[in-house]
């Protein structure tokens, strides 16, 4: 089963229930070599659902001392496809190494991926 690392809204139980129909069980982990910033979301439906126009986003910087905290979840292929549909424009799913040594999917800044 695929692993998905979340540093933002996919960690929220209400978002998980809305997208996957269940609460995900995960473990704390860190994304290595990335830095976090914010992205203005242009999709009015996404902004209305989340209640905020700016969301966390990560971009690769390659520095071992640069880490983003979050949660890694084991999900199904179908749930990964649902996560792809959930993420708004500006995010791209990439594979990344976590501090735990696990390889996981993460949604990163599409401009820098």
PDB file of N, CA and C in Angstrom:
ATOM      1  N   UNK A   1       0.840  -1.185   0.000  1.00  0.00           N
ATOM      2  CA  UNK A   1       0.000   0.000   0.000  1.00  0.00           C
ATOM      3  C   UNK A   1       0.882   1.245   0.000  1.00  0.00           C
ATOM      4  N   UNK A   2       0.455   2.289  -0.701  1.00  0.00           N
ATOM      5  CA  UNK A   2       1.252   3.516  -0.765  1.00  0.00           C
ATOM      6  C   UNK A   2       1.287   4.249   0.578  1.00  0.00           C
ATOM      7  N   UNK A   3       2.349   5.005   0.773  1.00  0.00           N
ATOM      8  CA  UNK A   3       2.471   5.888   1.923  1.00  0.00           C
ATOM      9  C   UNK A   3       2.271   7.313   1.449  1.00  0.00           C
ATOM     10  N   UNK A   4       1.546   8.091   2.231  1.00  0.00           N
ATOM     11  CA  UNK A   4       1.295   9.499   1.924  1.00  0.00           C
ATOM     12  C   UNK A   4       1.727  10.325   3.125  1.00  0.00           C
ATOM     13  N   UNK A   5       2.610  11.303   2.878  1.00  0.00           N
ATOM     14  CA  UNK A   5       3.049  12.215   3.927  1.00  0.00           C
ATOM     15  C   UNK A   5       2.235  13.493   3.826  1.00  0.00           C
ATOM     16  N   UNK A   6       1.648  13.898   4.947  1.00  0.00           N
ATOM     17  CA  UNK A   6       0.868  15.134   4.980  1.00  0.00           C
ATOM     18  C   UNK A   6       1.446  16.081   6.012  1.00  0.00           C
ATOM     19  N   UNK A   7       1.531  17.344   5.630  1.00  0.00           N
ATOM     20  CA  UNK A   7       1.987  18.412   6.519  1.00  0.00           C
ATOM     21  C   UNK A   7       0.893  19.459   6.671  1.00  0.00           C
ATOM     22  N   UNK A   8      -0.275  19.190   6.081  1.00  0.00           N
ATOM     23  CA  UNK A   8      -1.349  20.188   6.072  1.00  0.00           C
ATOM     24  C   UNK A   8      -2.713  19.588   6.341  1.00  0.00           C
ATOM     25  N   UNK A   9      -3.682  19.979   5.526  1.00  0.00           N
ATOM     26  CA  UNK A   9      -5.089  19.673   5.792  1.00  0.00           C
ATOM     27  C   UNK A   9      -5.419  18.185   5.765  1.00  0.00           C
ATOM     28  N   UNK A  10      -4.665  17.370   5.061  1.00  0.00           N
ATOM     29  CA  UNK A  10      -4.962  15.933   5.035  1.00  0.00           C
ATOM     30  C   UNK A  10      -4.681  15.257   6.378  1.00  0.00           C
ATOM     31  N   UNK A  11      -4.130  15.993   7.340  1.00  0.00           N
ATOM     32  CA  UNK A  11      -3.971  15.479   8.699  1.00  0.00           C
ATOM     33  C   UNK A  11      -5.255  15.655   9.511  1.00  0.00           C
ATOM     34  N   UNK A  12      -6.166  16.485   9.038  1.00  0.00           N
ATOM     35  CA  UNK A  12      -7.394  16.802   9.765  1.00  0.00           C
ATOM     36  C   UNK A  12      -8.433  15.691   9.569  1.00  0.00           C
ATOM     37  N   UNK A  13      -9.026  15.259  10.682  1.00  0.00           N
ATOM     38  CA  UNK A  13      -9.996  14.168  10.619  1.00  0.00           C
ATOM     39  C   UNK A  13     -11.200  14.501   9.743  1.00  0.00           C
ATOM     40  N   UNK A  14     -11.696  15.748   9.782  1.00  0.00           N
ATOM     41  CA  UNK A  14     -12.847  16.106   8.956  1.00  0.00           C
ATOM     42  C   UNK A  14     -12.514  16.029   7.470  1.00  0.00           C
ATOM     43  N   UNK A  15     -11.301  16.407   7.094  1.00  0.00           N
ATOM     44  CA  UNK A  15     -10.863  16.319   5.696  1.00  0.00           C
ATOM     45  C   UNK A  15     -10.716  14.860   5.293  1.00  0.00           C
ATOM     46  N   UNK A  16     -10.182  14.033   6.172  1.00  0.00           N
ATOM     47  CA  UNK A  16     -10.054  12.603   5.893  1.00  0.00           C
ATOM     48  C   UNK A  16     -11.418  11.954   5.701  1.00  0.00           C
ATOM     49  N   UNK A  17     -12.352  12.253   6.589  1.00  0.00           N
ATOM     50  CA  UNK A  17     -13.703  11.679   6.466  1.00  0.00           C
ATOM     51  C   UNK A  17     -14.358  12.115   5.164  1.00  0.00           C
ATOM     52  N   UNK A  18     -14.207  13.368   4.807  1.00  0.00           N
ATOM     53  CA  UNK A  18     -14.811  13.903   3.591  1.00  0.00           C
ATOM     54  C   UNK A  18     -14.222  13.271   2.336  1.00  0.00           C
ATOM     55  N   UNK A  19     -12.924  12.998   2.347  1.00  0.00           N
ATOM     56  CA  UNK A  19     -12.252  12.482   1.152  1.00  0.00           C
ATOM     57  C   UNK A  19     -12.157  10.968   1.094  1.00  0.00           C
ATOM     58  N   UNK A  20     -11.970  10.326   2.239  1.00  0.00           N
ATOM     59  CA  UNK A  20     -11.713   8.892   2.258  1.00  0.00           C
ATOM     60  C   UNK A  20     -12.810   8.079   2.944  1.00  0.00           C
ATOM     61  N   UNK A  21     -13.708   8.764   3.635  1.00  0.00           N
ATOM     62  CA  UNK A  21     -14.778   8.060   4.333  1.00  0.00           C
ATOM     63  C   UNK A  21     -14.316   7.360   5.598  1.00  0.00           C
ATOM     64  N   UNK A  22     -13.135   7.702   6.058  1.00  0.00           N
ATOM     65  CA  UNK A  22     -12.602   7.115   7.297  1.00  0.00           C
ATOM     66  C   UNK A  22     -11.516   8.030   7.858  1.00  0.00           C
ATOM     67  N   UNK A  23     -11.218   7.836   9.130  1.00  0.00           N
ATOM     68  CA  UNK A  23     -10.110   8.545   9.757  1.00  0.00           C
ATOM     69  C   UNK A  23      -8.862   7.699   9.558  1.00  0.00           C
ATOM     70  N   UNK A  24      -7.809   8.312   9.036  1.00  0.00           N
ATOM     71  CA  UNK A  24      -6.561   7.605   8.774  1.00  0.00           C
ATOM     72  C   UNK A  24      -5.740   7.470  10.052  1.00  0.00           C
ATOM     73  N   UNK A  25      -4.993   6.379  10.133  1.00  0.00           N
ATOM     74  CA  UNK A  25      -4.058   6.187  11.245  1.00  0.00           C
ATOM     75  C   UNK A  25      -2.655   6.433  10.705  1.00  0.00           C
ATOM     76  N   UNK A  26      -1.922   7.304  11.369  1.00  0.00           N
ATOM     77  CA  UNK A  26      -0.599   7.657  10.880  1.00  0.00           C
ATOM     78  C   UNK A  26       0.425   7.747  11.986  1.00  0.00           C
ATOM     79  N   UNK A  27       1.656   8.004  11.545  1.00  0.00           N
ATOM     80  CA  UNK A  27       2.784   8.153  12.457  1.00  0.00           C
ATOM     81  C   UNK A  27       3.469   9.488  12.187  1.00  0.00           C
ATOM     82  N   UNK A  28       3.919  10.178  13.227  1.00  0.00           N
ATOM     83  CA  UNK A  28       4.682  11.410  13.015  1.00  0.00           C
ATOM     84  C   UNK A  28       5.967  11.098  12.242  1.00  0.00           C
ATOM     85  N   UNK A  29       6.345  11.997  11.366  1.00  0.00           N
ATOM     86  CA  UNK A  29       7.573  11.845  10.596  1.00  0.00           C
ATOM     87  C   UNK A  29       7.981  13.227  10.114  1.00  0.00           C
ATOM     88  N   UNK A  30       9.097  13.294   9.401  1.00  0.00           N
ATOM     89  CA  UNK A  30       9.572  14.566   8.865  1.00  0.00           C
ATOM     90  C   UNK A  30      10.005  14.389   7.423  1.00  0.00           C
ATOM     91  N   UNK A  31       9.729  15.396   6.637  1.00  0.00           N
ATOM     92  CA  UNK A  31      10.138  15.463   5.244  1.00  0.00           C
ATOM     93  C   UNK A  31      11.501  16.147   5.207  1.00  0.00           C
ATOM     94  N   UNK A  32      12.509  15.448   4.705  1.00  0.00           N
ATOM     95  CA  UNK A  32      13.886  15.936   4.730  1.00  0.00           C
ATOM     96  C   UNK A  32      14.226  16.643   3.413  1.00  0.00           C
ATOM     97  N   UNK A  33      14.894  17.803   3.527  1.00  0.00           N
ATOM     98  CA  UNK A  33      15.345  18.527   2.339  1.00  0.00           C
ATOM     99  C   UNK A  33      14.285  19.409   1.717  1.00  0.00           C
ATOM    100  N   UNK A  34      13.265  19.744   2.485  1.00  0.00           N
ATOM    101  CA  UNK A  34      12.179  20.603   2.007  1.00  0.00           C
ATOM    102  C   UNK A  34      11.972  21.744   2.986  1.00  0.00           C
ATOM    103  N   UNK A  35      11.406  22.834   2.492  1.00  0.00           N
ATOM    104  CA  UNK A  35      11.005  23.949   3.341  1.00  0.00           C
ATOM    105  C   UNK A  35       9.541  24.251   3.087  1.00  0.00           C
ATOM    106  N   UNK A  36       8.887  24.763   4.107  1.00  0.00           N
ATOM    107  CA  UNK A  36       7.457  25.035   4.025  1.00  0.00           C
ATOM    108  C   UNK A  36       7.204  26.525   3.862  1.00  0.00           C
ATOM    109  N   UNK A  37       6.213  26.831   3.048  1.00  0.00           N
ATOM    110  CA  UNK A  37       5.746  28.207   2.895  1.00  0.00           C
ATOM    111  C   UNK A  37       4.240  28.138   2.697  1.00  0.00           C
ATOM    112  N   UNK A  38       3.660  29.189   2.142  1.00  0.00           N
ATOM    113  CA  UNK A  38       2.218  29.169   1.906  1.00  0.00           C
ATOM    114  C   UNK A  38       1.921  29.501   0.449  1.00  0.00           C
ATOM    115  N   UNK A  39       0.777  29.017  -0.003  1.00  0.00           N
ATOM    116  CA  UNK A  39       0.329  29.208  -1.376  1.00  0.00           C
ATOM    117  C   UNK A  39      -1.083  29.771  -1.349  1.00  0.00           C
ATOM    118  N   UNK A  40      -1.312  30.806  -2.149  1.00  0.00           N
ATOM    119  CA  UNK A  40      -2.669  31.352  -2.277  1.00  0.00           C
ATOM    120  C   UNK A  40      -3.455  30.454  -3.214  1.00  0.00           C
ATOM    121  N   UNK A  41      -4.584  29.962  -2.730  1.00  0.00           N
ATOM    122  CA  UNK A  41      -5.444  29.060  -3.494  1.00  0.00           C
ATOM    123  C   UNK A  41      -6.442  29.895  -4.282  1.00  0.00           C
ATOM    124  N   UNK A  42      -6.529  29.632  -5.573  1.00  0.00           N
ATOM    125  CA  UNK A  42      -7.417  30.396  -6.456  1.00  0.00           C
ATOM    126  C   UNK A  42      -8.782  29.739  -6.650  1.00  0.00           C
ATOM    127  N   UNK A  43      -8.919  28.471  -6.270  1.00  0.00           N
ATOM    128  CA  UNK A  43     -10.175  27.730  -6.447  1.00  0.00           C
ATOM    129  C   UNK A  43     -11.179  28.180  -5.379  1.00  0.00           C
ATOM    130  N   UNK A  44     -12.255  28.902  -5.776  1.00  0.00           N
ATOM    131  CA  UNK A  44     -13.192  29.433  -4.778  1.00  0.00           C
ATOM    132  C   UNK A  44     -13.907  28.342  -3.979  1.00  0.00           C
ATOM    133  N   UNK A  45     -14.168  27.195  -4.580  1.00  0.00           N
ATOM    134  CA  UNK A  45     -14.827  26.100  -3.849  1.00  0.00           C
ATOM    135  C   UNK A  45     -13.898  25.530  -2.773  1.00  0.00           C
ATOM    136  N   UNK A  46     -12.618  25.378  -3.100  1.00  0.00           N
ATOM    137  CA  UNK A  46     -11.656  24.876  -2.128  1.00  0.00           C
ATOM    138  C   UNK A  46     -11.508  25.861  -0.974  1.00  0.00           C
ATOM    139  N   UNK A  47     -11.429  27.137  -1.307  1.00  0.00           N
ATOM    140  CA  UNK A  47     -11.303  28.171  -0.269  1.00  0.00           C
ATOM    141  C   UNK A  47     -12.544  28.176   0.622  1.00  0.00           C
ATOM    142  N   UNK A  48     -13.727  28.054   0.025  1.00  0.00           N
ATOM    143  CA  UNK A  48     -14.966  28.029   0.806  1.00  0.00           C
ATOM    144  C   UNK A  48     -15.003  26.820   1.735  1.00  0.00           C
ATOM    145  N   UNK A  49     -14.570  25.662   1.240  1.00  0.00           N
ATOM    146  CA  UNK A  49     -14.586  24.443   2.054  1.00  0.00           C
ATOM    147  C   UNK A  49     -13.563  24.502   3.185  1.00  0.00           C
ATOM    148  N   UNK A  50     -12.402  25.083   2.917  1.00  0.00           N
ATOM    149  CA  UNK A  50     -11.351  25.118   3.935  1.00  0.00           C
ATOM    150  C   UNK A  50     -11.470  26.332   4.845  1.00  0.00           C
ATOM    151  N   UNK A  51     -12.117  27.382   4.355  1.00  0.00           N
ATOM    152  CA  UNK A  51     -12.268  28.592   5.147  1.00  0.00           C
ATOM    153  C   UNK A  51     -11.070  29.517   5.114  1.00  0.00           C
ATOM    154  N   UNK A  52     -10.076  29.206   4.244  1.00  0.00           N
ATOM    155  CA  UNK A  52      -8.906  30.083   4.180  1.00  0.00           C
ATOM    156  C   UNK A  52      -8.303  30.063   2.779  1.00  0.00           C
ATOM    157  N   UNK A  53      -7.819  31.232   2.322  1.00  0.00           N
ATOM    158  CA  UNK A  53      -7.273  31.322   0.965  1.00  0.00           C
ATOM    159  C   UNK A  53      -5.802  30.893   0.860  1.00  0.00           C
ATOM    160  N   UNK A  54      -5.090  30.794   1.992  1.00  0.00           N
ATOM    161  CA  UNK A  54      -3.682  30.404   1.972  1.00  0.00           C
ATOM    162  C   UNK A  54      -3.511  29.048   2.656  1.00  0.00           C
ATOM    163  N   UNK A  55      -2.747  28.178   2.019  1.00  0.00           N
ATOM    164  CA  UNK A  55      -2.500  26.845   2.570  1.00  0.00           C
ATOM    165  C   UNK A  55      -1.005  26.554   2.560  1.00  0.00           C
ATOM    166  N   UNK A  56      -0.585  25.667   3.463  1.00  0.00           N
ATOM    167  CA  UNK A  56       0.816  25.255   3.536  1.00  0.00           C
ATOM    168  C   UNK A  56       1.209  24.528   2.257  1.00  0.00           C
ATOM    169  N   UNK A  57       2.457  24.719   1.854  1.00  0.00           N
ATOM    170  CA  UNK A  57       3.021  24.029   0.695  1.00  0.00           C
ATOM    171  C   UNK A  57       4.519  23.850   0.961  1.00  0.00           C
ATOM    172  N   UNK A  58       5.105  22.829   0.362  1.00  0.00           N
ATOM    173  CA  UNK A  58       6.542  22.597   0.527  1.00  0.00           C
ATOM    174  C   UNK A  58       7.240  22.641  -0.817  1.00  0.00           C
ATOM    175  N   UNK A  59       8.510  23.017  -0.757  1.00  0.00           N
ATOM    176  CA  UNK A  59       9.352  22.945  -1.958  1.00  0.00           C
ATOM    177  C   UNK A  59      10.702  22.367  -1.569  1.00  0.00           C
ATOM    178  N   UNK A  60      11.298  21.643  -2.492  1.00  0.00           N
ATOM    179  CA  UNK A  60      12.573  20.977  -2.264  1.00  0.00           C
ATOM    180  C   UNK A  60      13.697  22.002  -2.233  1.00  0.00           C
ATOM    181  N   UNK A  61      14.583  21.888  -1.225  1.00  0.00           N
ATOM    182  CA  UNK A  61      15.776  22.731  -1.190  1.00  0.00           C
ATOM    183  C   UNK A  61      17.055  21.893  -1.071  1.00  0.00           C
ATOM    184  N   UNK A  62      16.918  20.586  -0.837  1.00  0.00           N
ATOM    185  CA  UNK A  62      18.050  19.675  -0.809  1.00  0.00           C
ATOM    186  C   UNK A  62      18.926  19.719   0.432  1.00  0.00           C
ATOM    187  N   UNK A  63      18.557  20.498   1.415  1.00  0.00           N
ATOM    188  CA  UNK A  63      19.380  20.618   2.620  1.00  0.00           C
ATOM    189  C   UNK A  63      18.954  19.589   3.669  1.00  0.00           C
ATOM    190  N   UNK A  64      19.899  18.799   4.152  1.00  0.00           N
ATOM    191  CA  UNK A  64      19.596  17.771   5.159  1.00  0.00           C
ATOM    192  C   UNK A  64      19.089  18.355   6.469  1.00  0.00           C
ATOM    193  N   UNK A  65      19.467  19.590   6.772  1.00  0.00           N
ATOM    194  CA  UNK A  65      19.029  20.213   8.016  1.00  0.00           C
ATOM    195  C   UNK A  65      17.664  20.889   7.888  1.00  0.00           C
ATOM    196  N   UNK A  66      17.084  20.844   6.723  1.00  0.00           N
ATOM    197  CA  UNK A  66      15.780  21.451   6.477  1.00  0.00           C
ATOM    198  C   UNK A  66      14.708  20.368   6.521  1.00  0.00           C
ATOM    199  N   UNK A  67      13.758  20.521   7.447  1.00  0.00           N
ATOM    200  CA  UNK A  67      12.744  19.483   7.647  1.00  0.00           C
ATOM    201  C   UNK A  67      11.367  20.094   7.847  1.00  0.00           C
ATOM    202  N   UNK A  68      10.372  19.345   7.413  1.00  0.00           N
ATOM    203  CA  UNK A  68       8.977  19.736   7.601  1.00  0.00           C
ATOM    204  C   UNK A  68       8.308  18.613   8.379  1.00  0.00           C
ATOM    205  N   UNK A  69       7.708  18.956   9.510  1.00  0.00           N
ATOM    206  CA  UNK A  69       7.010  17.964  10.336  1.00  0.00           C
ATOM    207  C   UNK A  69       5.632  17.668   9.761  1.00  0.00           C
ATOM    208  N   UNK A  70       5.223  16.416   9.945  1.00  0.00           N
ATOM    209  CA  UNK A  70       3.901  16.017   9.498  1.00  0.00           C
ATOM    210  C   UNK A  70       3.600  14.595   9.928  1.00  0.00           C
ATOM    211  N   UNK A  71       2.733  13.947   9.169  1.00  0.00           N
ATOM    212  CA  UNK A  71       2.285  12.596   9.478  1.00  0.00           C
ATOM    213  C   UNK A  71       2.327  11.755   8.220  1.00  0.00           C
ATOM    214  N   UNK A  72       2.800  10.517   8.359  1.00  0.00           N
ATOM    215  CA  UNK A  72       2.798   9.591   7.238  1.00  0.00           C
ATOM    216  C   UNK A  72       1.662   8.591   7.448  1.00  0.00           C
ATOM    217  N   UNK A  73       0.874   8.398   6.387  1.00  0.00           N
ATOM    218  CA  UNK A  73      -0.281   7.509   6.424  1.00  0.00           C
ATOM    219  C   UNK A  73      -0.120   6.392   5.399  1.00  0.00           C
ATOM    220  N   UNK A  74      -0.573   5.195   5.745  1.00  0.00           N
ATOM    221  CA  UNK A  74      -0.660   4.105   4.778  1.00  0.00           C
ATOM    222  C   UNK A  74      -2.084   4.145   4.225  1.00  0.00           C
ATOM    223  N   UNK A  75      -2.206   4.294   2.912  1.00  0.00           N
ATOM    224  CA  UNK A  75      -3.510   4.410   2.275  1.00  0.00           C
ATOM    225  C   UNK A  75      -3.577   3.449   1.085  1.00  0.00           C
ATOM    226  N   UNK A  76      -4.766   3.294   0.545  1.00  0.00           N
ATOM    227  CA  UNK A  76      -4.945   2.430  -0.626  1.00  0.00           C
ATOM    228  C   UNK A  76      -4.680   3.220  -1.906  1.00  0.00           C
ATOM    229  N   UNK A  77      -4.529   2.512  -3.009  1.00  0.00           N
ATOM    230  CA  UNK A  77      -4.377   3.183  -4.308  1.00  0.00           C
ATOM    231  C   UNK A  77      -5.590   4.050  -4.615  1.00  0.00           C
ATOM    232  N   UNK A  78      -6.783   3.565  -4.278  1.00  0.00           N
ATOM    233  CA  UNK A  78      -8.008   4.338  -4.514  1.00  0.00           C
ATOM    234  C   UNK A  78      -8.014   5.619  -3.677  1.00  0.00           C
ATOM    235  N   UNK A  79      -7.540   5.530  -2.440  1.00  0.00           N
ATOM    236  CA  UNK A  79      -7.475   6.719  -1.585  1.00  0.00           C
ATOM    237  C   UNK A  79      -6.423   7.702  -2.100  1.00  0.00           C
ATOM    238  N   UNK A  80      -5.332   7.192  -2.655  1.00  0.00           N
ATOM    239  CA  UNK A  80      -4.330   8.076  -3.243  1.00  0.00           C
ATOM    240  C   UNK A  80      -4.924   8.845  -4.419  1.00  0.00           C
ATOM    241  N   UNK A  81      -5.723   8.167  -5.225  1.00  0.00           N
ATOM    242  CA  UNK A  81      -6.405   8.835  -6.344  1.00  0.00           C
ATOM    243  C   UNK A  81      -7.366   9.906  -5.825  1.00  0.00           C
ATOM    244  N   UNK A  82      -8.045   9.642  -4.714  1.00  0.00           N
ATOM    245  CA  UNK A  82      -8.946  10.633  -4.118  1.00  0.00           C
ATOM    246  C   UNK A  82      -8.155  11.834  -3.592  1.00  0.00           C
ATOM    247  N   UNK A  83      -6.987  11.572  -3.030  1.00  0.00           N
ATOM    248  CA  UNK A  83      -6.129  12.669  -2.559  1.00  0.00           C
ATOM    249  C   UNK A  83      -5.683  13.539  -3.730  1.00  0.00           C
ATOM    250  N   UNK A  84      -5.376  12.898  -4.871  1.00  0.00           N
ATOM    251  CA  UNK A  84      -5.018  13.654  -6.081  1.00  0.00           C
ATOM    252  C   UNK A  84      -6.151  14.589  -6.498  1.00  0.00           C
ATOM    253  N   UNK A  85      -7.383  14.104  -6.402  1.00  0.00           N
ATOM    254  CA  UNK A  85      -8.544  14.923  -6.775  1.00  0.00           C
ATOM    255  C   UNK A  85      -8.767  16.057  -5.779  1.00  0.00           C
ATOM    256  N   UNK A  86      -8.434  15.821  -4.521  1.00  0.00           N
ATOM    257  CA  UNK A  86      -8.638  16.808  -3.466  1.00  0.00           C
ATOM    258  C   UNK A  86      -7.701  18.005  -3.604  1.00  0.00           C
ATOM    259  N   UNK A  87      -6.437  17.749  -3.906  1.00  0.00           N
ATOM    260  CA  UNK A  87      -5.443  18.820  -3.921  1.00  0.00           C
ATOM    261  C   UNK A  87      -5.726  19.817  -5.040  1.00  0.00           C
ATOM    262  N   UNK A  88      -5.702  21.116  -4.736  1.00  0.00           N
ATOM    263  CA  UNK A  88      -5.990  22.136  -5.753  1.00  0.00           C
ATOM    264  C   UNK A  88      -4.789  22.391  -6.669  1.00  0.00           C
ATOM    265  N   UNK A  89      -5.009  23.196  -7.678  1.00  0.00           N
ATOM    266  CA  UNK A  89      -3.932  23.592  -8.600  1.00  0.00           C
ATOM    267  C   UNK A  89      -2.800  24.216  -7.799  1.00  0.00           C
ATOM    268  N   UNK A  90      -1.576  23.934  -8.231  1.00  0.00           N
ATOM    269  CA  UNK A  90      -0.399  24.456  -7.559  1.00  0.00           C
ATOM    270  C   UNK A  90       0.378  23.379  -6.826  1.00  0.00           C
ATOM    271  N   UNK A  91      -0.282  22.237  -6.571  1.00  0.00           N
ATOM    272  CA  UNK A  91       0.356  21.114  -5.891  1.00  0.00           C
ATOM    273  C   UNK A  91       0.619  19.991  -6.881  1.00  0.00           C
ATOM    274  N   UNK A  92       1.764  19.327  -6.720  1.00  0.00           N
ATOM    275  CA  UNK A  92       2.123  18.186  -7.557  1.00  0.00           C
ATOM    276  C   UNK A  92       2.563  17.050  -6.635  1.00  0.00           C
ATOM    277  N   UNK A  93       2.067  15.850  -6.902  1.00  0.00           N
ATOM    278  CA  UNK A  93       2.461  14.692  -6.082  1.00  0.00           C
ATOM    279  C   UNK A  93       3.818  14.183  -6.543  1.00  0.00           C
ATOM    280  N   UNK A  94       4.755  14.110  -5.595  1.00  0.00           N
ATOM    281  CA  UNK A  94       6.093  13.603  -5.878  1.00  0.00           C
ATOM    282  C   UNK A  94       6.466  12.565  -4.819  1.00  0.00           C
ATOM    283  N   UNK A  95       7.461  11.764  -5.107  1.00  0.00           N
ATOM    284  CA  UNK A  95       7.986  10.792  -4.159  1.00  0.00           C
ATOM    285  C   UNK A  95       9.155  11.417  -3.414  1.00  0.00           C
ATOM    286  N   UNK A  96       9.183  11.226  -2.087  1.00  0.00           N
ATOM    287  CA  UNK A  96      10.247  11.829  -1.279  1.00  0.00           C
ATOM    288  C   UNK A  96      10.638  10.898  -0.137  1.00  0.00           C
ATOM    289  N   UNK A  97      11.858  11.061   0.333  1.00  0.00           N
ATOM    290  CA  UNK A  97      12.378  10.291   1.462  1.00  0.00           C
ATOM    291  C   UNK A  97      12.062  11.018   2.761  1.00  0.00           C
ATOM    292  N   UNK A  98      11.581  10.264   3.742  1.00  0.00           N
ATOM    293  CA  UNK A  98      11.277  10.824   5.053  1.00  0.00           C
ATOM    294  C   UNK A  98      12.419  10.555   6.020  1.00  0.00           C
ATOM    295  N   UNK A  99      12.423  11.250   7.143  1.00  0.00           N
ATOM    296  CA  UNK A  99      13.467  11.073   8.151  1.00  0.00           C
ATOM    297  C   UNK A  99      13.517   9.637   8.665  1.00  0.00           C
ATOM    298  N   UNK A 100      12.381   8.958   8.672  1.00  0.00           N
ATOM    299  CA  UNK A 100      12.305   7.570   9.136  1.00  0.00           C
ATOM    300  C   UNK A 100      12.943   6.591   8.156  1.00  0.00           C
ATOM    301  N   UNK A 101      13.278   7.067   6.954  1.00  0.00           N
ATOM    302  CA  UNK A 101      13.811   6.197   5.908  1.00  0.00           C
ATOM    303  C   UNK A 101      12.741   5.667   4.975  1.00  0.00           C
ATOM    304  N   UNK A 102      11.491   5.992   5.242  1.00  0.00           N
ATOM    305  CA  UNK A 102      10.386   5.551   4.388  1.00  0.00           C
ATOM    306  C   UNK A 102      10.299   6.448   3.155  1.00  0.00           C
ATOM    307  N   UNK A 103       9.918   5.854   2.042  1.00  0.00           N
ATOM    308  CA  UNK A 103       9.643   6.595   0.811  1.00  0.00           C
ATOM    309  C   UNK A 103       8.140   6.837   0.769  1.00  0.00           C
ATOM    310  N   UNK A 104       7.711   8.077   0.564  1.00  0.00           N
ATOM    311  CA  UNK A 104       6.280   8.399   0.593  1.00  0.00           C
ATOM    312  C   UNK A 104       5.949   9.425  -0.475  1.00  0.00           C
ATOM    313  N   UNK A 105       4.680   9.443  -0.842  1.00  0.00           N
ATOM    314  CA  UNK A 105       4.166  10.493  -1.721  1.00  0.00           C
ATOM    315  C   UNK A 105       3.937  11.735  -0.884  1.00  0.00           C
ATOM    316  N   UNK A 106       4.172  12.895  -1.481  1.00  0.00           N
ATOM    317  CA  UNK A 106       3.919  14.178  -0.830  1.00  0.00           C
ATOM    318  C   UNK A 106       3.473  15.162  -1.903  1.00  0.00           C
ATOM    319  N   UNK A 107       2.598  16.081  -1.523  1.00  0.00           N
ATOM    320  CA  UNK A 107       2.163  17.129  -2.447  1.00  0.00           C
ATOM    321  C   UNK A 107       3.042  18.347  -2.232  1.00  0.00           C
ATOM    322  N   UNK A 108       3.817  18.684  -3.259  1.00  0.00           N
ATOM    323  CA  UNK A 108       4.783  19.767  -3.192  1.00  0.00           C
ATOM    324  C   UNK A 108       4.412  20.862  -4.179  1.00  0.00           C
ATOM    325  N   UNK A 109       5.102  21.967  -4.089  1.00  0.00           N
ATOM    326  CA  UNK A 109       4.878  23.111  -4.967  1.00  0.00           C
ATOM    327  C   UNK A 109       5.175  22.710  -6.419  1.00  0.00           C
ATOM    328  N   UNK A 110       4.178  22.766  -7.255  1.00  0.00           N
ATOM    329  CA  UNK A 110       4.312  22.340  -8.662  1.00  0.00           C
ATOM    330  C   UNK A 110       5.298  23.220  -9.422  1.00  0.00           C
ATOM    331  N   UNK A 111       5.515  24.452  -8.967  1.00  0.00           N
ATOM    332  CA  UNK A 111       6.440  25.358  -9.648  1.00  0.00           C
ATOM    333  C   UNK A 111       7.895  24.947  -9.471  1.00  0.00           C
ATOM    334  N   UNK A 112       8.178  24.157  -8.431  1.00  0.00           N
ATOM    335  CA  UNK A 112       9.560  23.803  -8.102  1.00  0.00           C
ATOM    336  C   UNK A 112       9.804  22.311  -8.107  1.00  0.00           C
ATOM    337  N   UNK A 113       8.868  21.518  -8.606  1.00  0.00           N
ATOM    338  CA  UNK A 113       9.012  20.056  -8.573  1.00  0.00           C
ATOM    339  C   UNK A 113       9.488  19.519  -9.903  1.00  0.00           C
TER     340      UNK A 113
END
